[in-house]
Amino acid sequence: MADVAEAAEQILVSTVEAPHDTPADWTPNVLAFACHYCAFAAADLAGVMRLSYSPSVKIIRLPCTGKLDHIHILSAFEKGVDGVFAAG
């Protein structure tokens, strides 16, 4: 039984470590859910300080990320977002 588990783990590791053919001009589309008082304030301060981040990151301000429902995250992936970032 241990051999089967070890073989399954080797397959999983080889799949994860396999090289991916990503086009050179590809940029990920990331959606960030940010708490109004913490993370959004930091993003706002970055803008005031003229710090830049990728324009492919879209920030959605929430009153509190504790109220972020999993259905919104899943919906974002269904609509084609490559990554979701929730910061509180």
N, C-alpha and C. Protein backbone atom coordinates (compact mmCIF):
# COMPACT_ATOMS: atom_id res chain seq x y z
N MET A 1 0.82 -1.20 0.00
CA MET A 1 0.00 0.00 0.00
C MET A 1 0.87 1.26 0.00
N ALA A 2 2.01 1.19 0.68
CA ALA A 2 2.91 2.35 0.74
C ALA A 2 3.48 2.67 -0.63
N ASP A 3 3.68 1.61 -1.46
CA ASP A 3 4.22 1.84 -2.80
C ASP A 3 3.24 2.62 -3.67
N VAL A 4 1.95 2.35 -3.52
CA VAL A 4 0.93 3.05 -4.29
C VAL A 4 0.90 4.53 -3.89
N ALA A 5 0.95 4.80 -2.59
CA ALA A 5 0.95 6.18 -2.11
C ALA A 5 2.20 6.91 -2.57
N GLU A 6 3.34 6.22 -2.53
CA GLU A 6 4.59 6.85 -2.97
C GLU A 6 4.56 7.13 -4.47
N ALA A 7 4.01 6.22 -5.25
CA ALA A 7 3.92 6.42 -6.71
C ALA A 7 2.98 7.59 -7.02
N ALA A 8 1.87 7.68 -6.30
CA ALA A 8 0.94 8.78 -6.51
C ALA A 8 1.59 10.11 -6.16
N GLU A 9 2.38 10.12 -5.10
CA GLU A 9 3.07 11.36 -4.71
C GLU A 9 4.10 11.75 -5.77
N GLN A 10 4.81 10.79 -6.34
CA GLN A 10 5.80 11.09 -7.38
C GLN A 10 5.12 11.68 -8.62
N ILE A 11 3.94 11.16 -8.97
CA ILE A 11 3.21 11.69 -10.12
C ILE A 11 2.78 13.12 -9.85
N LEU A 12 2.30 13.37 -8.64
CA LEU A 12 1.88 14.72 -8.27
C LEU A 12 3.05 15.69 -8.32
N VAL A 13 4.18 15.29 -7.76
CA VAL A 13 5.36 16.16 -7.73
C VAL A 13 5.86 16.43 -9.15
N SER A 14 5.88 15.42 -10.00
CA SER A 14 6.36 15.63 -11.37
C SER A 14 5.40 16.53 -12.16
N THR A 15 4.11 16.45 -11.86
CA THR A 15 3.14 17.31 -12.53
C THR A 15 3.32 18.76 -12.11
N VAL A 16 3.52 18.98 -10.82
CA VAL A 16 3.69 20.34 -10.31
C VAL A 16 4.99 20.95 -10.80
N GLU A 17 6.04 20.16 -10.88
CA GLU A 17 7.34 20.67 -11.27
C GLU A 17 7.54 20.70 -12.78
N ALA A 18 6.55 20.24 -13.55
CA ALA A 18 6.70 20.24 -15.00
C ALA A 18 6.75 21.67 -15.52
N PRO A 19 7.61 21.93 -16.51
CA PRO A 19 7.69 23.30 -17.05
C PRO A 19 6.40 23.65 -17.79
N HIS A 20 6.01 24.89 -17.67
CA HIS A 20 4.81 25.37 -18.33
C HIS A 20 5.22 26.27 -19.49
N ASP A 21 4.51 26.15 -20.58
CA ASP A 21 4.79 26.99 -21.74
C ASP A 21 3.93 28.24 -21.66
N THR A 22 4.49 29.26 -21.02
CA THR A 22 3.79 30.53 -20.87
C THR A 22 4.33 31.51 -21.90
N PRO A 23 3.44 32.12 -22.66
CA PRO A 23 3.92 33.11 -23.65
C PRO A 23 4.67 34.25 -22.96
N ALA A 24 5.65 34.78 -23.66
CA ALA A 24 6.50 35.83 -23.08
C ALA A 24 5.72 37.11 -22.81
N ASP A 25 4.68 37.39 -23.57
CA ASP A 25 3.93 38.64 -23.41
C ASP A 25 2.71 38.49 -22.50
N TRP A 26 2.54 37.35 -21.87
CA TRP A 26 1.37 37.10 -21.02
C TRP A 26 1.51 37.81 -19.68
N THR A 27 0.46 38.48 -19.26
CA THR A 27 0.41 39.09 -17.93
C THR A 27 -0.83 38.56 -17.22
N PRO A 28 -0.68 38.14 -15.98
CA PRO A 28 -1.83 37.59 -15.27
C PRO A 28 -2.83 38.68 -14.91
N ASN A 29 -4.09 38.32 -14.93
CA ASN A 29 -5.17 39.21 -14.56
C ASN A 29 -5.52 38.90 -13.10
N VAL A 30 -5.20 39.82 -12.20
CA VAL A 30 -5.36 39.58 -10.76
C VAL A 30 -6.41 40.52 -10.19
N LEU A 31 -7.28 39.96 -9.36
CA LEU A 31 -8.30 40.73 -8.68
C LEU A 31 -7.98 40.75 -7.20
N ALA A 32 -7.87 41.94 -6.62
CA ALA A 32 -7.52 42.08 -5.21
C ALA A 32 -8.72 42.61 -4.43
N PHE A 33 -9.13 41.87 -3.43
CA PHE A 33 -10.17 42.33 -2.51
C PHE A 33 -9.44 42.93 -1.31
N ALA A 34 -9.64 44.21 -1.07
CA ALA A 34 -8.87 44.91 -0.04
C ALA A 34 -9.79 45.53 1.00
N CYS A 35 -9.42 45.36 2.26
CA CYS A 35 -10.14 45.98 3.38
C CYS A 35 -9.98 47.50 3.30
N HIS A 36 -11.06 48.22 3.51
CA HIS A 36 -11.05 49.68 3.41
C HIS A 36 -10.03 50.32 4.35
N TYR A 37 -9.91 49.81 5.55
CA TYR A 37 -9.08 50.46 6.57
C TYR A 37 -7.63 50.00 6.56
N CYS A 38 -7.35 48.85 6.00
CA CYS A 38 -5.97 48.32 6.07
C CYS A 38 -5.31 48.26 4.69
N ALA A 39 -5.67 47.24 3.93
CA ALA A 39 -5.00 47.00 2.66
C ALA A 39 -5.29 48.08 1.63
N PHE A 40 -6.52 48.55 1.57
CA PHE A 40 -6.82 49.60 0.60
C PHE A 40 -6.10 50.89 0.97
N ALA A 41 -5.99 51.16 2.26
CA ALA A 41 -5.24 52.34 2.69
C ALA A 41 -3.78 52.23 2.27
N ALA A 42 -3.22 51.03 2.33
CA ALA A 42 -1.83 50.82 1.89
C ALA A 42 -1.70 51.01 0.38
N ALA A 43 -2.67 50.51 -0.38
CA ALA A 43 -2.64 50.69 -1.83
C ALA A 43 -2.79 52.17 -2.19
N ASP A 44 -3.63 52.87 -1.45
CA ASP A 44 -3.81 54.30 -1.67
C ASP A 44 -2.51 55.05 -1.35
N LEU A 45 -1.85 54.68 -0.28
CA LEU A 45 -0.58 55.30 0.08
C LEU A 45 0.47 55.03 -0.98
N ALA A 46 0.47 53.84 -1.56
CA ALA A 46 1.42 53.53 -2.64
C ALA A 46 1.18 54.46 -3.82
N GLY A 47 -0.09 54.75 -4.11
CA GLY A 47 -0.40 55.69 -5.19
C GLY A 47 0.07 57.10 -4.88
N VAL A 48 -0.11 57.52 -3.64
CA VAL A 48 0.33 58.85 -3.22
C VAL A 48 1.85 58.97 -3.31
N MET A 49 2.54 57.87 -3.00
CA MET A 49 4.01 57.87 -3.05
C MET A 49 4.55 57.62 -4.46
N ARG A 50 3.65 57.55 -5.44
CA ARG A 50 4.00 57.31 -6.84
C ARG A 50 4.71 55.97 -7.06
N LEU A 51 4.39 54.99 -6.22
CA LEU A 51 4.90 53.64 -6.44
C LEU A 51 4.01 52.97 -7.47
N SER A 52 4.58 52.13 -8.28
CA SER A 52 3.77 51.51 -9.34
C SER A 52 3.64 50.01 -9.11
N TYR A 53 2.55 49.48 -9.59
CA TYR A 53 2.35 48.05 -9.64
C TYR A 53 1.66 47.74 -10.96
N SER A 54 1.58 46.51 -11.29
CA SER A 54 1.07 46.11 -12.59
C SER A 54 -0.35 46.61 -12.83
N PRO A 55 -0.61 47.15 -14.00
CA PRO A 55 -1.99 47.59 -14.30
C PRO A 55 -2.96 46.43 -14.45
N SER A 56 -2.46 45.21 -14.48
CA SER A 56 -3.36 44.06 -14.58
C SER A 56 -3.97 43.68 -13.23
N VAL A 57 -3.58 44.38 -12.16
CA VAL A 57 -4.14 44.16 -10.83
C VAL A 57 -5.29 45.14 -10.63
N LYS A 58 -6.46 44.61 -10.41
CA LYS A 58 -7.65 45.43 -10.15
C LYS A 58 -8.00 45.30 -8.68
N ILE A 59 -8.21 46.42 -8.01
CA ILE A 59 -8.50 46.42 -6.57
C ILE A 59 -9.97 46.73 -6.34
N ILE A 60 -10.59 45.90 -5.53
CA ILE A 60 -11.98 46.12 -5.10
C ILE A 60 -11.95 46.40 -3.61
N ARG A 61 -12.45 47.57 -3.24
CA ARG A 61 -12.46 47.97 -1.83
C ARG A 61 -13.69 47.38 -1.15
N LEU A 62 -13.46 46.75 -0.01
CA LEU A 62 -14.53 46.18 0.80
C LEU A 62 -14.52 46.84 2.17
N PRO A 63 -15.67 46.93 2.84
CA PRO A 63 -15.67 47.45 4.21
C PRO A 63 -14.80 46.60 5.13
N CYS A 64 -14.83 45.28 4.91
CA CYS A 64 -14.02 44.36 5.70
C CYS A 64 -13.89 43.06 4.90
N THR A 65 -12.69 42.52 4.79
CA THR A 65 -12.52 41.28 4.05
C THR A 65 -13.12 40.09 4.80
N GLY A 66 -13.45 40.26 6.05
CA GLY A 66 -14.13 39.21 6.80
C GLY A 66 -15.51 38.92 6.24
N LYS A 67 -16.08 39.88 5.52
CA LYS A 67 -17.39 39.69 4.91
C LYS A 67 -17.29 39.16 3.47
N LEU A 68 -16.07 38.91 3.00
CA LEU A 68 -15.88 38.39 1.65
C LEU A 68 -16.38 36.95 1.59
N ASP A 69 -17.34 36.70 0.73
CA ASP A 69 -17.91 35.37 0.62
C ASP A 69 -17.16 34.58 -0.45
N HIS A 70 -17.07 33.29 -0.24
CA HIS A 70 -16.33 32.45 -1.19
C HIS A 70 -16.96 32.47 -2.58
N ILE A 71 -18.23 32.75 -2.68
CA ILE A 71 -18.89 32.76 -3.98
C ILE A 71 -18.34 33.87 -4.88
N HIS A 72 -17.88 34.97 -4.29
CA HIS A 72 -17.29 36.06 -5.08
C HIS A 72 -15.94 35.65 -5.65
N ILE A 73 -15.18 34.91 -4.87
CA ILE A 73 -13.88 34.43 -5.35
C ILE A 73 -14.07 33.42 -6.48
N LEU A 74 -14.98 32.48 -6.28
CA LEU A 74 -15.24 31.49 -7.32
C LEU A 74 -15.81 32.14 -8.58
N SER A 75 -16.65 33.12 -8.41
CA SER A 75 -17.22 33.84 -9.55
C SER A 75 -16.13 34.57 -10.35
N ALA A 76 -15.16 35.12 -9.65
CA ALA A 76 -14.05 35.80 -10.33
C ALA A 76 -13.28 34.82 -11.21
N PHE A 77 -13.01 33.63 -10.68
CA PHE A 77 -12.30 32.62 -11.48
C PHE A 77 -13.15 32.16 -12.66
N GLU A 78 -14.45 32.03 -12.46
CA GLU A 78 -15.34 31.65 -13.56
C GLU A 78 -15.33 32.69 -14.68
N LYS A 79 -15.12 33.94 -14.32
CA LYS A 79 -15.13 35.02 -15.31
C LYS A 79 -13.77 35.25 -15.94
N GLY A 80 -12.77 34.43 -15.60
CA GLY A 80 -11.50 34.50 -16.28
C GLY A 80 -10.35 35.14 -15.54
N VAL A 81 -10.53 35.45 -14.29
CA VAL A 81 -9.43 36.03 -13.51
C VAL A 81 -8.38 34.94 -13.27
N ASP A 82 -7.11 35.29 -13.37
CA ASP A 82 -6.04 34.32 -13.18
C ASP A 82 -5.68 34.14 -11.71
N GLY A 83 -5.87 35.16 -10.90
CA GLY A 83 -5.53 35.07 -9.50
C GLY A 83 -6.37 36.01 -8.67
N VAL A 84 -6.59 35.63 -7.42
CA VAL A 84 -7.36 36.44 -6.48
C VAL A 84 -6.50 36.66 -5.25
N PHE A 85 -6.51 37.90 -4.77
CA PHE A 85 -5.76 38.27 -3.57
C PHE A 85 -6.71 38.93 -2.60
N ALA A 86 -6.81 38.37 -1.41
CA ALA A 86 -7.67 38.96 -0.38
C ALA A 86 -6.77 39.47 0.74
N ALA A 87 -6.85 40.77 1.00
CA ALA A 87 -5.98 41.37 2.02
C ALA A 87 -6.81 42.18 2.99
N GLY A 88 -6.55 41.96 4.26
CA GLY A 88 -7.31 42.67 5.29
C GLY A 88 -6.45 43.52 6.16
